[in-house]
Amino acid sequence: MPVNATYLRIASASAVLSIGMAAIAANRQTPSVPSTAVKLGSIQQTMDLLVDPSADALWESIGTSQTAMGIQVKAPKNDAEWQKVAGYAQGLIAGSKRLQTPKLPVGENAHSKLADADTPGTRTAVQIRVDIDADPAKFKAAAMRLEEASNAALIAARSRDAQGVLAAGAALDAACEACHAAYWYPRTKPLRLPSTSEFEKNAIGRR
């Protein structure tokens, strides 16, 4: 599931990475999240137009920062702000479901190149297509992991559970990293998608 590499490794439930999230948020505005009704014709479009901005907005909505007064917690303060966080999670759910569409084109068409296409070794759309077609069930499993983390974020947001959103954000980051490493990142030999037990162990380690 291609997505710009600069967005990766942002989310974590740990205080250290949460501080990093807040620092990033302070230096840029929260990304706008498009309607889930937007027509998404490829994996690339789904990532660029829905999953990516929804994930960024979710990660930036809650966190902690170190100040002269100590650790400050950033979290929604009212119903409207919590509803926004829930909306980001819903965008992620819609995107992850779209990624589970059989034979969904990868992208790299006349509109734009894949993100980081100029980085040596980055997998091309053709290479990614071959990898997906070699075992479609594994790619679907990766998208389902994204959906599971997104559902957890939605439940936490509706419960006004800031720590729950942070934990879901860490699981979301783990799901993104696992899929990108398997299908998109530069490599010299094919990488396998982690098993469910390996994935869960890595996700817990990020909390």
N, C-alpha and C. Protein backbone atom coordinates (compact mmCIF):
# COMPACT_ATOMS: atom_id res chain seq x y z
N MET A 1 0.85 -1.18 0.00
CA MET A 1 0.00 0.00 0.00
C MET A 1 0.88 1.24 0.00
N PRO A 2 1.21 1.77 -1.14
CA PRO A 2 2.14 2.88 -1.18
C PRO A 2 1.60 4.11 -0.49
N VAL A 3 2.48 4.76 0.24
CA VAL A 3 2.16 6.04 0.86
C VAL A 3 3.47 6.73 1.14
N ASN A 4 3.53 8.06 1.02
CA ASN A 4 4.77 8.79 1.16
C ASN A 4 5.50 8.41 2.43
N ALA A 5 6.79 8.09 2.32
CA ALA A 5 7.55 7.59 3.44
C ALA A 5 7.71 8.60 4.56
N THR A 6 7.58 9.89 4.26
CA THR A 6 7.73 10.90 5.31
C THR A 6 6.61 10.84 6.32
N TYR A 7 5.53 10.16 5.98
CA TYR A 7 4.41 10.08 6.92
C TYR A 7 4.55 8.90 7.88
N LEU A 8 5.58 8.05 7.65
CA LEU A 8 5.67 6.83 8.42
C LEU A 8 6.36 7.03 9.76
N ARG A 9 6.16 6.09 10.66
CA ARG A 9 6.77 6.06 11.99
C ARG A 9 6.42 7.28 12.84
N ILE A 10 5.26 7.90 12.59
CA ILE A 10 4.86 9.06 13.38
C ILE A 10 4.15 8.63 14.65
N ALA A 11 3.28 7.62 14.49
CA ALA A 11 2.39 7.31 15.61
C ALA A 11 3.00 6.31 16.57
N SER A 12 2.76 6.51 17.85
CA SER A 12 3.15 5.55 18.87
C SER A 12 2.44 5.89 20.16
N ALA A 13 2.17 4.89 20.97
CA ALA A 13 1.53 5.17 22.25
C ALA A 13 2.54 5.56 23.31
N SER A 14 3.82 5.44 23.02
CA SER A 14 4.83 5.81 24.00
C SER A 14 4.93 7.31 24.11
N ALA A 15 5.36 7.80 25.27
CA ALA A 15 5.45 9.25 25.48
C ALA A 15 6.46 9.88 24.55
N VAL A 16 7.57 9.19 24.28
CA VAL A 16 8.61 9.78 23.44
C VAL A 16 8.10 10.07 22.05
N LEU A 17 7.47 9.08 21.41
CA LEU A 17 6.98 9.31 20.07
C LEU A 17 5.74 10.19 20.06
N SER A 18 4.99 10.18 21.13
CA SER A 18 3.84 11.08 21.22
C SER A 18 4.30 12.52 21.23
N ILE A 19 5.44 12.79 21.90
CA ILE A 19 6.00 14.14 21.89
C ILE A 19 6.37 14.52 20.47
N GLY A 20 6.95 13.57 19.73
CA GLY A 20 7.29 13.85 18.34
C GLY A 20 6.07 14.18 17.51
N MET A 21 4.97 13.47 17.77
CA MET A 21 3.73 13.75 17.05
C MET A 21 3.28 15.17 17.30
N ALA A 22 3.34 15.61 18.54
CA ALA A 22 2.89 16.96 18.88
C ALA A 22 3.77 18.00 18.23
N ALA A 23 5.08 17.74 18.15
CA ALA A 23 5.99 18.69 17.53
C ALA A 23 5.67 18.85 16.05
N ILE A 24 5.36 17.74 15.40
CA ILE A 24 5.01 17.80 13.99
C ILE A 24 3.72 18.58 13.80
N ALA A 25 2.75 18.29 14.65
CA ALA A 25 1.45 18.96 14.55
C ALA A 25 1.58 20.46 14.73
N ALA A 26 2.52 20.88 15.59
CA ALA A 26 2.68 22.30 15.86
C ALA A 26 3.21 23.05 14.66
N ASN A 27 3.88 22.34 13.75
CA ASN A 27 4.52 22.99 12.62
C ASN A 27 3.73 22.92 11.33
N ARG A 28 2.56 22.29 11.34
CA ARG A 28 1.75 22.24 10.13
C ARG A 28 0.29 22.06 10.49
N GLN A 29 -0.57 22.46 9.60
CA GLN A 29 -1.99 22.38 9.86
C GLN A 29 -2.47 20.94 9.71
N THR A 30 -3.55 20.62 10.39
CA THR A 30 -4.13 19.29 10.25
C THR A 30 -4.60 19.08 8.82
N PRO A 31 -4.20 17.99 8.15
CA PRO A 31 -4.59 17.75 6.77
C PRO A 31 -6.10 17.66 6.63
N SER A 32 -6.59 18.13 5.51
CA SER A 32 -8.02 18.00 5.26
C SER A 32 -8.30 16.58 4.79
N VAL A 33 -9.38 16.01 5.25
CA VAL A 33 -9.73 14.64 4.88
C VAL A 33 -10.90 14.68 3.91
N PRO A 34 -10.75 14.10 2.72
CA PRO A 34 -11.81 14.15 1.72
C PRO A 34 -12.99 13.28 2.10
N SER A 35 -14.08 13.48 1.42
CA SER A 35 -15.27 12.66 1.65
C SER A 35 -14.97 11.22 1.26
N THR A 36 -15.54 10.29 2.02
CA THR A 36 -15.35 8.87 1.69
C THR A 36 -16.09 8.50 0.41
N ALA A 37 -16.86 9.45 -0.13
CA ALA A 37 -17.59 9.20 -1.38
C ALA A 37 -16.72 9.46 -2.60
N VAL A 38 -15.50 9.99 -2.39
CA VAL A 38 -14.60 10.26 -3.50
C VAL A 38 -14.32 8.96 -4.26
N LYS A 39 -14.37 9.02 -5.58
CA LYS A 39 -14.12 7.83 -6.39
C LYS A 39 -12.63 7.52 -6.39
N LEU A 40 -12.27 6.35 -5.93
CA LEU A 40 -10.88 5.95 -5.81
C LEU A 40 -10.62 4.79 -6.76
N GLY A 41 -9.88 5.05 -7.83
CA GLY A 41 -9.70 4.05 -8.87
C GLY A 41 -8.47 3.19 -8.75
N SER A 42 -7.63 3.44 -7.74
CA SER A 42 -6.40 2.66 -7.61
C SER A 42 -5.94 2.65 -6.15
N ILE A 43 -4.97 1.79 -5.88
CA ILE A 43 -4.36 1.76 -4.55
C ILE A 43 -3.71 3.10 -4.26
N GLN A 44 -3.02 3.63 -5.26
CA GLN A 44 -2.34 4.91 -5.10
C GLN A 44 -3.31 6.03 -4.72
N GLN A 45 -4.42 6.12 -5.42
CA GLN A 45 -5.40 7.15 -5.12
C GLN A 45 -6.02 6.94 -3.74
N THR A 46 -6.27 5.69 -3.39
CA THR A 46 -6.85 5.39 -2.08
C THR A 46 -5.91 5.84 -0.97
N MET A 47 -4.62 5.58 -1.15
CA MET A 47 -3.64 6.00 -0.15
C MET A 47 -3.49 7.51 -0.12
N ASP A 48 -3.31 8.12 -1.28
CA ASP A 48 -3.03 9.55 -1.35
C ASP A 48 -4.22 10.41 -0.93
N LEU A 49 -5.43 9.99 -1.30
CA LEU A 49 -6.60 10.84 -1.11
C LEU A 49 -7.42 10.51 0.13
N LEU A 50 -7.24 9.31 0.70
CA LEU A 50 -8.09 8.94 1.83
C LEU A 50 -7.30 8.41 3.02
N VAL A 51 -6.55 7.34 2.83
CA VAL A 51 -5.84 6.73 3.96
C VAL A 51 -4.79 7.66 4.54
N ASP A 52 -3.95 8.21 3.67
CA ASP A 52 -2.85 9.06 4.12
C ASP A 52 -3.32 10.29 4.91
N PRO A 53 -4.19 11.12 4.35
CA PRO A 53 -4.64 12.29 5.13
C PRO A 53 -5.44 11.92 6.37
N SER A 54 -6.19 10.84 6.31
CA SER A 54 -6.96 10.41 7.49
C SER A 54 -6.02 9.97 8.61
N ALA A 55 -4.97 9.22 8.25
CA ALA A 55 -4.01 8.76 9.26
C ALA A 55 -3.26 9.94 9.86
N ASP A 56 -2.80 10.85 9.02
CA ASP A 56 -2.09 12.03 9.52
C ASP A 56 -2.94 12.81 10.51
N ALA A 57 -4.19 13.03 10.14
CA ALA A 57 -5.09 13.81 11.00
C ALA A 57 -5.34 13.09 12.32
N LEU A 58 -5.50 11.78 12.26
CA LEU A 58 -5.72 11.00 13.48
C LEU A 58 -4.51 11.08 14.40
N TRP A 59 -3.31 10.88 13.83
CA TRP A 59 -2.09 10.90 14.62
C TRP A 59 -1.85 12.27 15.26
N GLU A 60 -2.24 13.31 14.55
CA GLU A 60 -1.98 14.66 15.04
C GLU A 60 -3.05 15.16 16.01
N SER A 61 -4.13 14.44 16.15
CA SER A 61 -5.24 14.91 16.98
C SER A 61 -5.02 14.68 18.47
N ILE A 62 -4.17 13.71 18.80
CA ILE A 62 -3.94 13.35 20.20
C ILE A 62 -2.46 13.07 20.41
N GLY A 63 -1.90 13.56 21.52
CA GLY A 63 -0.50 13.31 21.82
C GLY A 63 -0.06 14.02 23.08
N THR A 64 1.23 13.96 23.37
CA THR A 64 1.78 14.66 24.52
C THR A 64 3.00 15.45 24.09
N SER A 65 3.33 16.48 24.82
CA SER A 65 4.51 17.29 24.51
C SER A 65 5.19 17.71 25.80
N GLN A 66 6.50 17.85 25.74
CA GLN A 66 7.28 18.26 26.89
C GLN A 66 7.44 19.77 26.88
N THR A 67 7.03 20.44 27.94
CA THR A 67 7.15 21.89 28.06
C THR A 67 7.83 22.23 29.38
N ALA A 68 8.07 23.52 29.59
CA ALA A 68 8.68 23.96 30.84
C ALA A 68 7.80 23.63 32.04
N MET A 69 6.52 23.44 31.79
CA MET A 69 5.56 23.12 32.85
C MET A 69 5.40 21.61 33.04
N GLY A 70 6.15 20.84 32.25
CA GLY A 70 6.04 19.39 32.32
C GLY A 70 5.39 18.82 31.07
N ILE A 71 4.93 17.60 31.14
CA ILE A 71 4.31 16.94 29.99
C ILE A 71 2.87 17.43 29.84
N GLN A 72 2.58 17.96 28.67
CA GLN A 72 1.24 18.46 28.37
C GLN A 72 0.53 17.49 27.43
N VAL A 73 -0.70 17.20 27.73
CA VAL A 73 -1.48 16.27 26.91
C VAL A 73 -2.34 17.03 25.92
N LYS A 74 -2.26 16.61 24.66
CA LYS A 74 -3.13 17.19 23.63
C LYS A 74 -4.22 16.18 23.33
N ALA A 75 -5.47 16.58 23.47
CA ALA A 75 -6.60 15.69 23.20
C ALA A 75 -7.82 16.54 22.90
N PRO A 76 -8.79 15.99 22.19
CA PRO A 76 -10.03 16.72 21.91
C PRO A 76 -10.67 17.21 23.21
N LYS A 77 -11.29 18.38 23.15
CA LYS A 77 -11.86 19.00 24.35
C LYS A 77 -13.38 19.00 24.38
N ASN A 78 -14.01 18.68 23.25
CA ASN A 78 -15.47 18.73 23.23
C ASN A 78 -16.01 17.72 22.22
N ASP A 79 -17.32 17.64 22.14
CA ASP A 79 -17.96 16.67 21.24
C ASP A 79 -17.55 16.87 19.79
N ALA A 80 -17.50 18.13 19.37
CA ALA A 80 -17.17 18.41 17.97
C ALA A 80 -15.77 17.91 17.62
N GLU A 81 -14.81 18.11 18.51
CA GLU A 81 -13.45 17.67 18.24
C GLU A 81 -13.34 16.15 18.27
N TRP A 82 -14.05 15.51 19.18
CA TRP A 82 -14.05 14.04 19.20
C TRP A 82 -14.72 13.48 17.95
N GLN A 83 -15.74 14.16 17.47
CA GLN A 83 -16.41 13.72 16.25
C GLN A 83 -15.46 13.80 15.05
N LYS A 84 -14.58 14.79 15.06
CA LYS A 84 -13.59 14.89 13.98
C LYS A 84 -12.65 13.69 14.01
N VAL A 85 -12.20 13.32 15.21
CA VAL A 85 -11.31 12.17 15.32
C VAL A 85 -12.02 10.90 14.84
N ALA A 86 -13.28 10.76 15.21
CA ALA A 86 -14.06 9.62 14.75
C ALA A 86 -14.17 9.63 13.23
N GLY A 87 -14.29 10.82 12.66
CA GLY A 87 -14.37 10.95 11.21
C GLY A 87 -13.08 10.51 10.53
N TYR A 88 -11.94 10.83 11.15
CA TYR A 88 -10.66 10.38 10.59
C TYR A 88 -10.60 8.85 10.59
N ALA A 89 -11.06 8.25 11.68
CA ALA A 89 -11.07 6.79 11.76
C ALA A 89 -12.00 6.19 10.71
N GLN A 90 -13.13 6.83 10.49
CA GLN A 90 -14.07 6.35 9.47
C GLN A 90 -13.45 6.45 8.08
N GLY A 91 -12.67 7.49 7.84
CA GLY A 91 -11.97 7.61 6.56
C GLY A 91 -10.99 6.47 6.37
N LEU A 92 -10.30 6.10 7.44
CA LEU A 92 -9.36 4.99 7.38
C LEU A 92 -10.07 3.66 7.14
N ILE A 93 -11.21 3.50 7.77
CA ILE A 93 -11.99 2.27 7.57
C ILE A 93 -12.44 2.16 6.11
N ALA A 94 -12.94 3.27 5.57
CA ALA A 94 -13.38 3.26 4.17
C ALA A 94 -12.22 2.96 3.24
N GLY A 95 -11.06 3.56 3.52
CA GLY A 95 -9.89 3.32 2.69
C GLY A 95 -9.42 1.88 2.76
N SER A 96 -9.39 1.33 3.96
CA SER A 96 -8.93 -0.05 4.12
C SER A 96 -9.87 -1.04 3.43
N LYS A 97 -11.15 -0.75 3.46
CA LYS A 97 -12.11 -1.61 2.75
C LYS A 97 -11.90 -1.51 1.24
N ARG A 98 -11.62 -0.31 0.77
CA ARG A 98 -11.37 -0.13 -0.66
C ARG A 98 -10.13 -0.90 -1.09
N LEU A 99 -9.11 -0.94 -0.25
CA LEU A 99 -7.88 -1.65 -0.58
C LEU A 99 -8.11 -3.16 -0.68
N GLN A 100 -9.19 -3.64 -0.11
CA GLN A 100 -9.50 -5.07 -0.18
C GLN A 100 -10.22 -5.45 -1.47
N THR A 101 -10.46 -4.48 -2.34
CA THR A 101 -11.12 -4.75 -3.62
C THR A 101 -10.22 -5.61 -4.51
N PRO A 102 -10.69 -6.75 -4.98
CA PRO A 102 -9.86 -7.61 -5.83
C PRO A 102 -9.41 -6.89 -7.10
N LYS A 103 -8.15 -7.08 -7.45
CA LYS A 103 -7.58 -6.55 -8.69
C LYS A 103 -7.61 -5.02 -8.77
N LEU A 104 -7.68 -4.34 -7.65
CA LEU A 104 -7.64 -2.88 -7.66
C LEU A 104 -6.30 -2.44 -8.25
N PRO A 105 -6.29 -1.62 -9.32
CA PRO A 105 -5.03 -1.19 -9.93
C PRO A 105 -4.11 -0.54 -8.91
N VAL A 106 -2.81 -0.72 -9.09
CA VAL A 106 -1.85 -0.13 -8.15
C VAL A 106 -1.77 1.37 -8.33
N GLY A 107 -1.60 1.82 -9.59
CA GLY A 107 -1.48 3.25 -9.83
C GLY A 107 -0.39 3.54 -10.83
N GLU A 108 0.37 4.63 -10.59
CA GLU A 108 1.45 5.05 -11.47
C GLU A 108 0.95 5.20 -12.90
N ASN A 109 -0.17 5.94 -13.03
CA ASN A 109 -0.74 6.15 -14.35
C ASN A 109 -0.37 7.54 -14.86
N ALA A 110 -1.14 8.08 -15.75
CA ALA A 110 -0.83 9.37 -16.35
C ALA A 110 -0.94 10.52 -15.35
N HIS A 111 -1.63 10.29 -14.23
CA HIS A 111 -1.85 11.37 -13.28
C HIS A 111 -0.61 11.68 -12.46
N SER A 112 0.09 10.67 -11.97
CA SER A 112 1.26 10.91 -11.13
C SER A 112 2.03 9.62 -10.91
N LYS A 113 3.29 9.77 -10.48
CA LYS A 113 4.10 8.61 -10.13
C LYS A 113 3.74 8.16 -8.72
N LEU A 114 4.17 6.94 -8.39
CA LEU A 114 4.02 6.50 -7.01
C LEU A 114 4.91 7.36 -6.13
N ALA A 115 4.53 7.52 -4.87
CA ALA A 115 5.33 8.30 -3.94
C ALA A 115 6.73 7.72 -3.83
N ASP A 116 7.73 8.61 -3.77
CA ASP A 116 9.13 8.22 -3.65
C ASP A 116 9.61 7.36 -4.82
N ALA A 117 9.00 7.54 -5.99
CA ALA A 117 9.37 6.74 -7.16
C ALA A 117 10.81 6.98 -7.59
N ASP A 118 11.35 8.16 -7.25
CA ASP A 118 12.72 8.48 -7.65
C ASP A 118 13.77 7.94 -6.68
N THR A 119 13.34 7.37 -5.58
CA THR A 119 14.28 6.76 -4.64
C THR A 119 14.76 5.42 -5.19
N PRO A 120 16.08 5.25 -5.34
CA PRO A 120 16.59 4.00 -5.91
C PRO A 120 16.08 2.77 -5.16
N GLY A 121 15.59 1.82 -5.94
CA GLY A 121 15.13 0.57 -5.35
C GLY A 121 13.67 0.53 -4.97
N THR A 122 12.99 1.70 -4.97
CA THR A 122 11.58 1.70 -4.63
C THR A 122 10.80 0.84 -5.62
N ARG A 123 9.92 0.00 -5.13
CA ARG A 123 9.17 -0.90 -5.99
C ARG A 123 8.26 -0.12 -6.93
N THR A 124 8.19 -0.56 -8.16
CA THR A 124 7.33 0.08 -9.15
C THR A 124 5.93 -0.50 -9.07
N ALA A 125 4.99 0.15 -9.75
CA ALA A 125 3.62 -0.34 -9.77
C ALA A 125 3.55 -1.75 -10.36
N VAL A 126 4.35 -1.99 -11.39
CA VAL A 126 4.36 -3.31 -12.03
C VAL A 126 4.87 -4.37 -11.05
N GLN A 127 5.95 -4.06 -10.33
CA GLN A 127 6.50 -5.01 -9.37
C GLN A 127 5.52 -5.27 -8.22
N ILE A 128 4.88 -4.21 -7.76
CA ILE A 128 3.90 -4.37 -6.67
C ILE A 128 2.72 -5.22 -7.13
N ARG A 129 2.28 -5.01 -8.37
CA ARG A 129 1.18 -5.80 -8.92
C ARG A 129 1.54 -7.28 -8.95
N VAL A 130 2.76 -7.59 -9.36
CA VAL A 130 3.21 -8.98 -9.41
C VAL A 130 3.21 -9.59 -8.01
N ASP A 131 3.71 -8.84 -7.04
CA ASP A 131 3.75 -9.33 -5.67
C ASP A 131 2.35 -9.58 -5.11
N ILE A 132 1.43 -8.66 -5.38
CA ILE A 132 0.06 -8.82 -4.89
C ILE A 132 -0.61 -10.03 -5.54
N ASP A 133 -0.46 -10.14 -6.87
CA ASP A 133 -1.10 -11.24 -7.59
C ASP A 133 -0.53 -12.60 -7.21
N ALA A 134 0.71 -12.62 -6.71
CA ALA A 134 1.32 -13.89 -6.31
C ALA A 134 0.60 -14.49 -5.11
N ASP A 135 0.00 -13.64 -4.28
CA ASP A 135 -0.75 -14.11 -3.11
C ASP A 135 -1.74 -13.02 -2.69
N PRO A 136 -2.87 -12.90 -3.39
CA PRO A 136 -3.85 -11.86 -3.09
C PRO A 136 -4.35 -11.90 -1.65
N ALA A 137 -4.42 -13.08 -1.07
CA ALA A 137 -4.93 -13.21 0.30
C ALA A 137 -4.04 -12.48 1.30
N LYS A 138 -2.74 -12.48 1.05
CA LYS A 138 -1.82 -11.80 1.97
C LYS A 138 -2.00 -10.29 1.90
N PHE A 139 -2.19 -9.76 0.69
CA PHE A 139 -2.42 -8.32 0.58
C PHE A 139 -3.73 -7.94 1.24
N LYS A 140 -4.75 -8.77 1.05
CA LYS A 140 -6.03 -8.49 1.70
C LYS A 140 -5.87 -8.53 3.22
N ALA A 141 -5.05 -9.46 3.72
CA ALA A 141 -4.82 -9.54 5.16
C ALA A 141 -4.17 -8.26 5.68
N ALA A 142 -3.27 -7.69 4.87
CA ALA A 142 -2.62 -6.44 5.27
C ALA A 142 -3.64 -5.32 5.37
N ALA A 143 -4.55 -5.27 4.40
CA ALA A 143 -5.60 -4.24 4.41
C ALA A 143 -6.56 -4.45 5.57
N MET A 144 -6.80 -5.70 5.91
CA MET A 144 -7.70 -6.01 7.03
C MET A 144 -7.08 -5.60 8.36
N ARG A 145 -5.74 -5.69 8.46
CA ARG A 145 -5.07 -5.23 9.67
C ARG A 145 -5.25 -3.72 9.82
N LEU A 146 -5.16 -3.02 8.71
CA LEU A 146 -5.39 -1.58 8.72
C LEU A 146 -6.81 -1.28 9.17
N GLU A 147 -7.76 -2.05 8.65
CA GLU A 147 -9.16 -1.86 9.03
C GLU A 147 -9.38 -2.14 10.52
N GLU A 148 -8.74 -3.18 11.03
CA GLU A 148 -8.90 -3.52 12.45
C GLU A 148 -8.39 -2.39 13.35
N ALA A 149 -7.22 -1.85 13.02
CA ALA A 149 -6.67 -0.74 13.81
C ALA A 149 -7.56 0.49 13.71
N SER A 150 -8.10 0.72 12.53
CA SER A 150 -8.98 1.87 12.31
C SER A 150 -10.28 1.73 13.09
N ASN A 151 -10.82 0.52 13.14
CA ASN A 151 -12.02 0.28 13.93
C ASN A 151 -11.76 0.52 15.42
N ALA A 152 -10.57 0.12 15.88
CA ALA A 152 -10.21 0.35 17.28
C ALA A 152 -10.14 1.85 17.57
N ALA A 153 -9.61 2.61 16.61
CA ALA A 153 -9.53 4.06 16.77
C ALA A 153 -10.92 4.67 16.83
N LEU A 154 -11.82 4.17 16.00
CA LEU A 154 -13.19 4.69 15.99
C LEU A 154 -13.89 4.42 17.32
N ILE A 155 -13.75 3.21 17.82
CA ILE A 155 -14.37 2.86 19.10
C ILE A 155 -13.82 3.75 20.22
N ALA A 156 -12.49 3.96 20.21
CA ALA A 156 -11.87 4.79 21.24
C ALA A 156 -12.33 6.24 21.14
N ALA A 157 -12.42 6.74 19.91
CA ALA A 157 -12.86 8.13 19.72
C ALA A 157 -14.29 8.32 20.20
N ARG A 158 -15.15 7.38 19.90
CA ARG A 158 -16.55 7.48 20.33
C ARG A 158 -16.68 7.35 21.85
N SER A 159 -15.67 6.74 22.48
CA SER A 159 -15.68 6.59 23.93
C SER A 159 -14.89 7.71 24.61
N ARG A 160 -14.36 8.63 23.82
CA ARG A 160 -13.52 9.72 24.34
C ARG A 160 -12.31 9.17 25.10
N ASP A 161 -11.74 8.13 24.56
CA ASP A 161 -10.61 7.44 25.18
C ASP A 161 -9.32 7.83 24.47
N ALA A 162 -8.62 8.84 24.99
CA ALA A 162 -7.41 9.33 24.35
C ALA A 162 -6.33 8.26 24.29
N GLN A 163 -6.13 7.52 25.39
CA GLN A 163 -5.13 6.47 25.39
C GLN A 163 -5.49 5.37 24.40
N GLY A 164 -6.77 5.11 24.25
CA GLY A 164 -7.21 4.12 23.28
C GLY A 164 -6.90 4.54 21.86
N VAL A 165 -7.06 5.83 21.57
CA VAL A 165 -6.73 6.34 20.24
C VAL A 165 -5.23 6.24 20.01
N LEU A 166 -4.43 6.56 21.04
CA LEU A 166 -2.98 6.44 20.91
C LEU A 166 -2.57 5.00 20.63
N ALA A 167 -3.16 4.06 21.34
CA ALA A 167 -2.85 2.64 21.13
C ALA A 167 -3.26 2.20 19.73
N ALA A 168 -4.43 2.65 19.29
CA ALA A 168 -4.89 2.32 17.94
C ALA A 168 -3.98 2.95 16.91
N GLY A 169 -3.48 4.16 17.20
CA GLY A 169 -2.56 4.82 16.28
C GLY A 169 -1.27 4.05 16.13
N ALA A 170 -0.80 3.45 17.23
CA ALA A 170 0.41 2.63 17.17
C ALA A 170 0.17 1.38 16.34
N ALA A 171 -1.00 0.76 16.51
CA ALA A 171 -1.34 -0.42 15.72
C ALA A 171 -1.49 -0.05 14.25
N LEU A 172 -2.03 1.12 13.99
CA LEU A 172 -2.16 1.62 12.63
C LEU A 172 -0.79 1.79 11.99
N ASP A 173 0.14 2.37 12.73
CA ASP A 173 1.50 2.55 12.23
C ASP A 173 2.15 1.21 11.92
N ALA A 174 1.94 0.23 12.81
CA ALA A 174 2.51 -1.10 12.60
C ALA A 174 1.93 -1.74 11.34
N ALA A 175 0.63 -1.57 11.12
CA ALA A 175 -0.01 -2.14 9.94
C ALA A 175 0.55 -1.50 8.67
N CYS A 176 0.73 -0.19 8.70
CA CYS A 176 1.28 0.52 7.54
C CYS A 176 2.70 0.04 7.25
N GLU A 177 3.54 0.00 8.29
CA GLU A 177 4.93 -0.39 8.11
C GLU A 177 5.07 -1.80 7.56
N ALA A 178 4.27 -2.73 8.09
CA ALA A 178 4.36 -4.12 7.65
C ALA A 178 4.02 -4.25 6.17
N CYS A 179 2.98 -3.55 5.74
CA CYS A 179 2.56 -3.63 4.34
C CYS A 179 3.55 -2.94 3.42
N HIS A 180 4.01 -1.76 3.83
CA HIS A 180 4.96 -1.02 2.99
C HIS A 180 6.27 -1.80 2.81
N ALA A 181 6.73 -2.42 3.91
CA ALA A 181 7.97 -3.19 3.83
C ALA A 181 7.82 -4.39 2.91
N ALA A 182 6.64 -4.99 2.91
CA ALA A 182 6.41 -6.18 2.09
C ALA A 182 6.21 -5.86 0.61
N TYR A 183 5.63 -4.68 0.32
CA TYR A 183 5.24 -4.41 -1.07
C TYR A 183 5.88 -3.19 -1.72
N TRP A 184 6.38 -2.25 -0.95
CA TRP A 184 6.76 -0.97 -1.56
C TRP A 184 8.19 -0.51 -1.31
N TYR A 185 8.71 -0.70 -0.10
CA TYR A 185 10.04 -0.19 0.23
C TYR A 185 11.12 -0.82 -0.65
N PRO A 186 12.22 -0.08 -0.86
CA PRO A 186 13.36 -0.63 -1.63
C PRO A 186 13.88 -1.91 -0.98
N ARG A 187 14.26 -2.86 -1.81
CA ARG A 187 14.80 -4.11 -1.30
C ARG A 187 15.56 -4.82 -2.40
N THR A 188 16.40 -5.74 -1.98
CA THR A 188 17.17 -6.52 -2.94
C THR A 188 16.57 -7.90 -3.16
N LYS A 189 15.74 -8.34 -2.24
CA LYS A 189 15.06 -9.62 -2.41
C LYS A 189 13.66 -9.51 -1.81
N PRO A 190 12.72 -10.31 -2.27
CA PRO A 190 11.35 -10.22 -1.78
C PRO A 190 11.27 -10.39 -0.26
N LEU A 191 10.42 -9.62 0.35
CA LEU A 191 10.16 -9.73 1.79
C LEU A 191 8.77 -10.30 2.00
N ARG A 192 8.61 -11.07 3.02
CA ARG A 192 7.31 -11.66 3.29
C ARG A 192 6.52 -10.77 4.25
N LEU A 193 5.22 -10.86 4.15
CA LEU A 193 4.35 -10.16 5.10
C LEU A 193 4.40 -10.93 6.42
N PRO A 194 4.56 -10.24 7.56
CA PRO A 194 4.64 -10.94 8.85
C PRO A 194 3.39 -11.78 9.10
N SER A 195 3.57 -12.87 9.83
CA SER A 195 2.42 -13.67 10.23
C SER A 195 1.59 -12.88 11.23
N THR A 196 0.38 -13.33 11.50
CA THR A 196 -0.49 -12.63 12.44
C THR A 196 0.16 -12.51 13.81
N SER A 197 0.78 -13.58 14.30
CA SER A 197 1.41 -13.55 15.63
C SER A 197 2.59 -12.59 15.65
N GLU A 198 3.39 -12.58 14.58
CA GLU A 198 4.52 -11.66 14.50
C GLU A 198 4.04 -10.22 14.46
N PHE A 199 3.00 -9.99 13.68
CA PHE A 199 2.46 -8.63 13.57
C PHE A 199 1.96 -8.15 14.93
N GLU A 200 1.20 -8.98 15.62
CA GLU A 200 0.65 -8.59 16.92
C GLU A 200 1.76 -8.31 17.92
N LYS A 201 2.84 -9.09 17.88
CA LYS A 201 3.96 -8.88 18.78
C LYS A 201 4.63 -7.54 18.49
N ASN A 202 4.82 -7.22 17.21
CA ASN A 202 5.43 -5.95 16.84
C ASN A 202 4.54 -4.78 17.22
N ALA A 203 3.23 -4.95 17.05
CA ALA A 203 2.29 -3.87 17.36
C ALA A 203 2.30 -3.57 18.86
N ILE A 204 2.35 -4.63 19.67
CA ILE A 204 2.38 -4.45 21.12
C ILE A 204 3.67 -3.75 21.53
N GLY A 205 4.76 -4.07 20.84
CA GLY A 205 6.05 -3.45 21.15
C GLY A 205 6.09 -1.96 20.88
N ARG A 206 5.17 -1.46 20.07
CA ARG A 206 5.13 -0.04 19.76
C ARG A 206 4.38 0.76 20.81
N ARG A 207 3.66 0.09 21.68
CA ARG A 207 2.83 0.80 22.66
C ARG A 207 3.66 1.32 23.82
